[in-house]
Protein backbone atom coordinates (compact mmCIF):
# COMPACT_ATOMS: atom_id res chain seq x y z
CA MET A 1 95.11 50.46 120.11
CA ALA A 2 98.59 50.24 121.67
CA ALA A 3 97.31 49.48 125.17
CA ARG A 4 94.96 46.81 123.86
CA ALA A 5 97.83 45.19 121.94
CA GLY A 6 100.00 45.29 125.07
CA LEU A 7 97.32 43.47 127.03
CA GLN A 8 96.47 40.85 124.44
CA ALA A 9 99.94 39.74 123.32
CA LYS A 10 102.07 37.40 125.40
CA SER A 11 104.87 39.99 125.65
CA PHE A 12 105.40 43.68 124.92
CA LYS A 13 107.78 42.73 122.10
CA LYS A 14 105.09 40.67 120.37
CA ALA A 15 102.57 43.42 121.07
CA ALA A 16 104.82 45.98 119.35
CA GLU A 17 105.06 43.71 116.31
CA SER A 18 101.27 43.27 116.22
CA TYR A 19 100.78 47.02 116.53
CA SER A 20 103.11 47.64 113.59
CA ASP A 21 101.35 45.01 111.46
CA ALA A 22 97.93 46.51 112.23
CA THR A 23 98.76 50.21 111.79
CA GLY A 24 101.74 50.30 109.48
CA GLY A 25 103.51 52.48 112.02
CA SER A 26 106.22 51.52 114.45
CA MET A 27 106.45 51.57 118.23
CA SER A 28 109.15 50.21 120.46
CA SER A 29 108.29 47.59 123.05
CA SER A 30 109.42 49.96 125.81
CA SER A 31 107.04 52.69 124.61
CA LEU A 32 104.19 50.25 124.34
CA ARG A 33 104.96 49.00 127.83
CA ARG A 34 104.76 52.54 129.22
CA ILE A 35 101.40 53.16 127.53
CA THR A 36 99.92 49.86 128.69
CA GLU A 37 101.19 50.06 132.24
CA GLY A 38 100.20 53.73 132.44
CA PHE A 39 96.65 52.82 131.44
CA GLY A 40 96.62 49.99 133.95
CA GLN A 41 97.94 52.23 136.73
CA ALA A 42 95.21 54.78 136.06
CA LEU A 43 92.64 52.01 136.35
CA GLU A 44 94.26 50.72 139.53
CA ASP A 45 94.20 54.18 141.11
CA LYS A 46 90.54 54.54 140.17
CA ARG A 47 89.44 51.22 141.66
CA VAL A 48 91.45 51.77 144.86
CA LYS A 49 89.77 55.18 145.24
CA GLU A 50 86.35 53.60 144.73
CA ALA A 51 87.05 50.95 147.37
CA GLN A 52 88.25 53.57 149.83
CA GLN A 53 85.18 55.75 149.22
CA VAL A 54 82.82 52.89 149.87
CA TYR A 55 84.61 51.46 152.91
CA ASP A 56 85.98 54.59 154.59
CA PRO A 57 84.58 54.39 158.16
CA GLN A 58 84.83 58.19 158.54
CA THR A 59 82.85 59.11 155.43
CA PRO A 60 81.06 56.02 154.18
CA GLN A 61 79.20 56.24 150.89
CA LEU A 62 76.82 53.85 149.23
CA ALA A 63 78.49 51.89 146.47
CA GLN A 64 75.75 53.02 144.09
CA GLN A 65 77.01 56.61 144.48
CA VAL A 66 80.57 55.66 143.58
CA VAL A 67 80.45 52.94 140.92
CA THR A 68 79.22 53.32 137.35
CA VAL A 69 76.73 50.58 136.48
CA THR A 70 77.77 48.53 133.44
CA ALA A 71 76.07 45.46 131.94
CA PRO A 72 73.62 44.90 134.81
CA ILE A 73 72.39 41.35 135.32
CA GLN A 74 68.60 41.20 135.33
CA GLU A 75 67.36 37.83 136.61
CA GLN A 76 70.01 35.41 137.92
CA ALA A 77 73.71 35.92 138.65
CA ASN A 78 76.57 33.73 139.77
CA ILE A 79 79.77 34.67 141.62
CA SER A 80 82.90 32.53 141.60
CA THR A 81 86.13 33.42 143.40
CA ASP A 82 89.56 31.78 143.50
CA GLY A 83 93.29 32.46 143.39
CA GLY A 84 96.23 31.95 141.04
CA MET A 85 99.97 32.61 141.06
CA VAL A 86 102.15 35.24 139.43
CA LEU A 87 105.92 35.76 139.67
CA LEU A 88 106.98 39.03 141.33
CA ARG A 89 110.48 40.46 141.36
CA GLU A 90 112.27 40.06 144.69
CA GLU A 91 109.20 38.30 146.12
CA GLY A 92 108.84 35.07 144.16
CA TRP A 93 105.53 33.45 143.27
CA LYS A 94 102.64 35.25 144.95
CA GLU A 95 98.90 34.62 144.96
CA PHE A 96 96.47 36.92 143.23
CA LYS A 97 92.73 36.70 143.83
CA MET A 98 90.00 36.82 141.20
CA GLY A 99 86.26 37.27 141.36
CA VAL A 100 84.00 36.55 138.36
CA PHE A 101 80.40 37.70 137.99
CA SER A 102 78.29 35.95 135.37
CA GLU A 103 74.74 36.01 134.06
CA VAL A 104 72.96 32.65 134.39
CA ARG A 105 70.65 31.29 131.72
CA ILE A 106 68.76 28.02 132.10
CA LYS A 107 67.18 25.77 129.48
CA ASN A 108 63.59 24.95 130.33
CA THR A 109 64.18 21.22 130.85
CA LEU A 110 64.69 19.05 133.90
CA PRO A 111 68.28 18.00 134.72
CA SER A 112 69.30 14.52 133.68
CA PRO A 113 69.78 11.90 136.42
CA ALA A 114 72.51 10.31 134.32
CA GLU A 115 76.27 10.35 134.86
CA PRO A 116 77.32 13.09 137.30
CA HIS A 117 78.59 16.30 135.76
CA PRO A 118 77.76 20.00 136.17
CA ASP A 119 74.25 20.62 134.83
CA PRO A 120 74.32 21.10 131.04
CA ARG A 121 71.06 23.08 131.22
CA ILE A 122 72.93 26.01 132.73
CA THR A 123 74.93 28.52 130.68
CA LEU A 124 77.09 31.22 132.25
CA LEU A 125 77.82 34.25 130.07
CA ARG A 126 78.61 38.00 130.10
CA HIS A 127 81.46 37.51 132.56
CA SER A 128 83.18 40.38 134.34
CA TYR A 129 86.40 40.13 136.31
CA GLN A 130 88.07 41.77 139.28
CA VAL A 131 91.62 40.59 139.98
CA GLY A 132 94.53 41.79 142.07
CA LEU A 133 97.28 41.03 144.56
CA TRP A 134 94.86 41.40 147.44
CA THR A 135 94.23 40.12 150.92
CA ALA A 136 90.93 38.32 151.46
CA ASP A 137 89.37 41.48 152.93
CA GLN A 138 90.53 43.56 149.97
CA MET A 139 89.07 40.95 147.63
CA GLY A 140 85.82 41.26 149.55
CA GLN A 141 85.75 45.00 148.89
CA HIS A 142 86.35 44.61 145.17
CA GLN A 143 83.85 41.75 144.96
CA HIS A 144 81.24 44.06 146.49
CA LEU A 145 82.10 46.89 144.11
CA GLU A 146 81.88 44.64 141.05
CA GLY A 147 78.56 43.28 142.27
CA THR A 148 77.27 46.83 142.51
CA ARG A 149 78.54 47.56 139.01
CA ARG A 150 76.55 44.57 137.74
CA GLN A 151 73.60 45.29 140.10
CA VAL A 152 73.44 41.71 141.36
CA GLU A 153 71.70 42.82 144.55
CA ARG A 154 68.61 43.39 142.39
CA CYS A 155 68.64 39.88 140.93
CA ALA A 156 65.83 37.57 141.94
CA ARG A 157 68.35 34.71 142.22
CA LEU A 158 72.02 34.83 143.19
CA GLY A 159 74.31 31.81 143.41
CA SER A 160 77.98 31.25 144.13
CA ALA A 161 80.01 28.15 143.24
CA ASN A 162 83.51 27.95 144.75
CA ASP A 163 86.08 25.45 145.99
CA GLY A 164 85.14 25.76 149.66
CA ALA A 165 88.09 27.84 150.89
CA VAL A 166 87.21 29.52 154.17
CA TRP A 167 88.17 33.02 153.01
CA ILE A 168 85.97 32.75 149.90
CA ASN A 169 83.03 31.55 151.97
CA ARG A 170 83.48 34.39 154.45
CA ILE A 171 83.69 37.32 152.05
CA THR A 172 80.92 36.06 149.74
CA LEU A 173 78.42 35.41 152.52
CA THR A 174 79.34 38.71 154.17
CA ASN A 175 78.70 40.67 150.97
CA TYR A 176 75.60 38.71 149.92
CA SER A 177 73.65 37.12 152.75
CA GLN A 178 70.98 36.01 150.27
CA VAL A 179 73.39 34.01 148.10
CA VAL A 180 72.78 30.31 147.45
CA TYR A 181 76.25 28.91 148.02
CA ALA A 182 77.62 25.71 146.45
CA ILE A 183 80.92 23.90 146.77
CA ASP A 184 82.32 23.30 143.30
CA TRP A 185 81.29 19.82 142.15
CA ALA A 186 84.65 18.97 140.58
CA HIS A 187 86.42 19.92 143.79
CA SER A 188 84.25 17.81 146.10
CA SER A 189 84.07 14.77 143.82
CA GLY A 190 87.81 15.06 143.13
CA ARG A 191 88.50 15.00 146.85
CA LEU A 192 86.54 11.75 147.13
CA ASN A 193 88.63 10.31 144.32
CA ASN A 194 91.82 11.22 146.21
CA VAL A 195 90.47 9.59 149.37
CA ALA A 196 89.65 6.40 147.43
CA LYS A 197 93.18 6.21 146.01
CA ALA A 198 94.77 6.77 149.42
CA ALA A 199 92.53 4.32 151.25
CA PHE A 200 92.28 1.47 148.74
CA GLY A 201 95.11 1.95 146.25
CA GLU A 202 95.16 3.83 142.99
CA GLY A 203 93.42 2.00 140.14
CA THR A 204 92.16 -0.88 142.30
CA GLN A 205 88.65 -2.25 142.06
CA PRO A 206 87.82 -1.46 145.72
CA ALA A 207 88.89 2.14 145.14
CA GLN A 208 86.72 2.43 142.05
CA GLN A 209 83.71 0.84 143.78
CA TRP A 210 84.02 3.02 146.88
CA MET A 211 84.51 6.14 144.79
CA GLN A 212 81.51 5.47 142.54
CA LYS A 213 79.23 4.80 145.50
CA GLN A 214 80.18 8.02 147.28
CA VAL A 215 79.97 10.14 144.12
CA ASP A 216 76.48 8.77 143.41
CA ARG A 217 75.45 9.64 146.95
CA LEU A 218 76.89 13.12 146.66
CA TRP A 219 75.25 13.75 143.27
CA HIS A 220 71.84 12.89 144.70
CA GLY A 221 72.23 15.01 147.80
CA HIS A 222 72.95 12.29 150.38
CA VAL A 223 75.87 14.13 151.94
CA GLU A 224 75.32 12.62 155.40
CA HIS A 225 75.97 9.14 153.97
CA VAL A 226 79.20 10.39 152.42
CA VAL A 227 80.31 11.87 155.73
CA THR A 228 79.59 8.56 157.49
CA ALA A 229 81.54 6.62 154.86
CA LEU A 230 84.51 8.92 155.37
CA GLN A 231 84.36 8.74 159.15
CA ILE A 232 84.46 4.94 159.29
CA LEU A 233 87.64 4.64 157.22
CA ASP A 234 90.68 3.53 159.22
CA TRP A 235 92.61 6.78 158.93
CA GLU A 236 95.41 5.54 161.18
CA GLN A 237 96.33 3.08 158.43
CA ILE A 238 96.03 5.55 155.56
CA THR A 239 99.09 7.40 154.31
CA CYS A 240 98.06 10.67 152.69
CA PRO A 241 98.57 14.45 152.80
CA GLU A 242 96.87 16.43 155.55
CA ASP A 243 94.31 17.99 153.22
CA ILE A 244 93.06 14.49 152.33
CA ARG A 245 93.21 13.28 155.94
CA ASN A 246 90.85 16.07 157.02
CA SER A 247 88.20 15.05 154.46
CA PRO A 248 85.65 13.85 157.09
CA SER A 249 85.59 17.29 158.72
CA TYR A 250 85.77 19.04 155.33
CA PHE A 251 82.51 17.42 154.18
CA GLU A 252 80.89 17.64 157.61
CA THR A 253 81.41 21.39 157.95
CA ARG A 254 80.39 22.15 154.35
CA LYS A 255 77.52 19.71 153.88
CA GLN A 256 74.92 22.49 153.75
CA TYR A 257 76.58 23.69 150.53
CA MET A 258 76.68 20.26 148.87
CA ASP A 259 73.01 19.45 148.32
CA TYR A 260 73.66 19.00 144.61
CA GLU A 261 70.30 17.36 143.95
CA SER A 262 68.41 20.44 145.15
CA LEU A 263 70.87 22.88 143.59
CA ARG A 264 70.51 21.27 140.18
CA HIS A 265 66.72 21.11 140.31
CA GLU A 266 66.55 24.73 141.42
CA GLY A 267 68.82 25.84 138.58
CA TYR A 268 71.92 26.97 140.46
CA PRO A 269 75.42 26.37 139.02
CA ILE A 270 77.51 23.79 140.87
CA GLY A 271 80.78 24.37 139.02
CA SER A 272 83.39 27.13 139.39
CA GLY A 273 84.85 26.73 135.91
CA THR A 274 84.35 30.41 135.07
CA VAL A 275 86.91 31.60 137.61
CA GLU A 276 89.31 28.71 136.91
CA SER A 277 89.15 29.54 133.21
CA GLY A 278 89.50 33.24 133.97
CA ILE A 279 92.67 32.71 135.99
CA ASN A 280 94.24 31.11 132.92
CA THR A 281 92.84 33.25 130.11
CA VAL A 282 92.78 36.64 131.84
CA VAL A 283 96.01 36.50 133.88
CA HIS A 284 98.20 33.45 133.29
CA HIS A 285 98.12 33.77 129.47
CA ARG A 286 99.60 37.26 129.71
CA MET A 287 101.50 37.31 132.99
CA LYS A 288 102.65 33.85 134.10
CA ARG A 289 106.27 33.46 133.05
CA GLN A 290 109.68 32.37 134.23
CA GLY A 291 112.56 34.80 134.69
CA ARG A 292 112.59 38.11 136.51
CA GLY A 293 108.85 38.45 136.82
CA TRP A 294 106.82 41.59 137.37
CA LYS A 295 107.30 44.49 139.74
CA ARG A 296 104.40 44.39 142.21
CA SER A 297 103.05 47.78 141.13
CA HIS A 298 103.25 46.86 137.43
CA ALA A 299 101.58 43.50 138.07
CA GLN A 300 98.73 45.18 139.93
CA ALA A 301 98.28 47.69 137.12
CA MET A 302 98.27 44.96 134.46
CA MET A 303 95.68 42.95 136.37
CA ALA A 304 93.42 45.98 136.63
CA ALA A 305 93.67 46.54 132.88
CA LEU A 306 93.31 42.86 131.97
CA GLY A 307 90.17 42.62 134.10
CA GLU A 308 88.53 45.48 132.20
CA LEU A 309 89.65 44.15 128.81
CA HIS A 310 88.19 40.69 129.41
CA SER A 311 85.03 42.19 130.92
CA ASP A 312 84.43 43.88 127.53
CA ARG A 313 84.83 47.29 129.15
CA PHE A 314 88.11 48.35 127.54
CA GLN A 315 86.68 51.27 125.58
CA LEU A 316 84.75 52.60 128.57
CA ALA A 317 87.79 52.22 130.80
CA TRP A 318 90.04 53.98 128.28
CA GLN A 319 87.66 56.91 127.97
CA ALA A 320 87.35 57.18 131.75
CA THR A 321 91.09 57.24 132.41
CA CYS A 322 92.69 58.92 129.38
């Protein structure tokens, strides 16, 4: 009860007040902090041990022998991965990485050819989260372990929608060579919008016309036409940040993951909203704050515990560590 309150409230002080209201007893915020962070540290130690057991080159073990299967996904799964920021003491704002596994359900209707948006036929549910202050390779290990926990390797269909970052592409395709990979629709269409504003002026009719034409092409899978339209712009005359200036090569090198027409008809998600929402609801809601910030070890422990709480595995995790 105390650890759950410490994870759900925005601060340990508020958690202590909620605990008192719920139980009629009293607990100081410092005591509740120790309980919550102790639980999180036990979880962190457990998941680090699992990762080391699976990836130890001297004594490798199959992940199935190490990880307890929970809430396996039967038919179709989706993986989304991204990063957020948390304030650490003596380090400043640092990136954490999050992976989200979701079950995919599809309505038995054809997608609408109307205004572009992620396919409303598709519902993502039963999310589970792995999050930590990790390098890309460490994220890859924990992504693999969570996939084993959900048994996604047994799914008939496995998709992954992400923002196109190179490290995300690398670890996901390394772990799951069979995955159908998609660049997040909002990210790619938003990049086109930024190009239009830089090239033709924000809010101008030429910008709106160019943008609409390219988005329509992208929505219907004509990525080559989008690449050509980007390449013929006079980039020497365009003032914009480097990440917008490299848009021709960005679309060219990722075009195989932007066939949105085929992805939609085949029933694969094209949006990474699950991980973007998870970054806010799982971590930022509890941990993003001004001031002194978190000690690195305490932040890592809290993220381990928050991941299990929001994956609906709190009770199992508590029983396994306490």
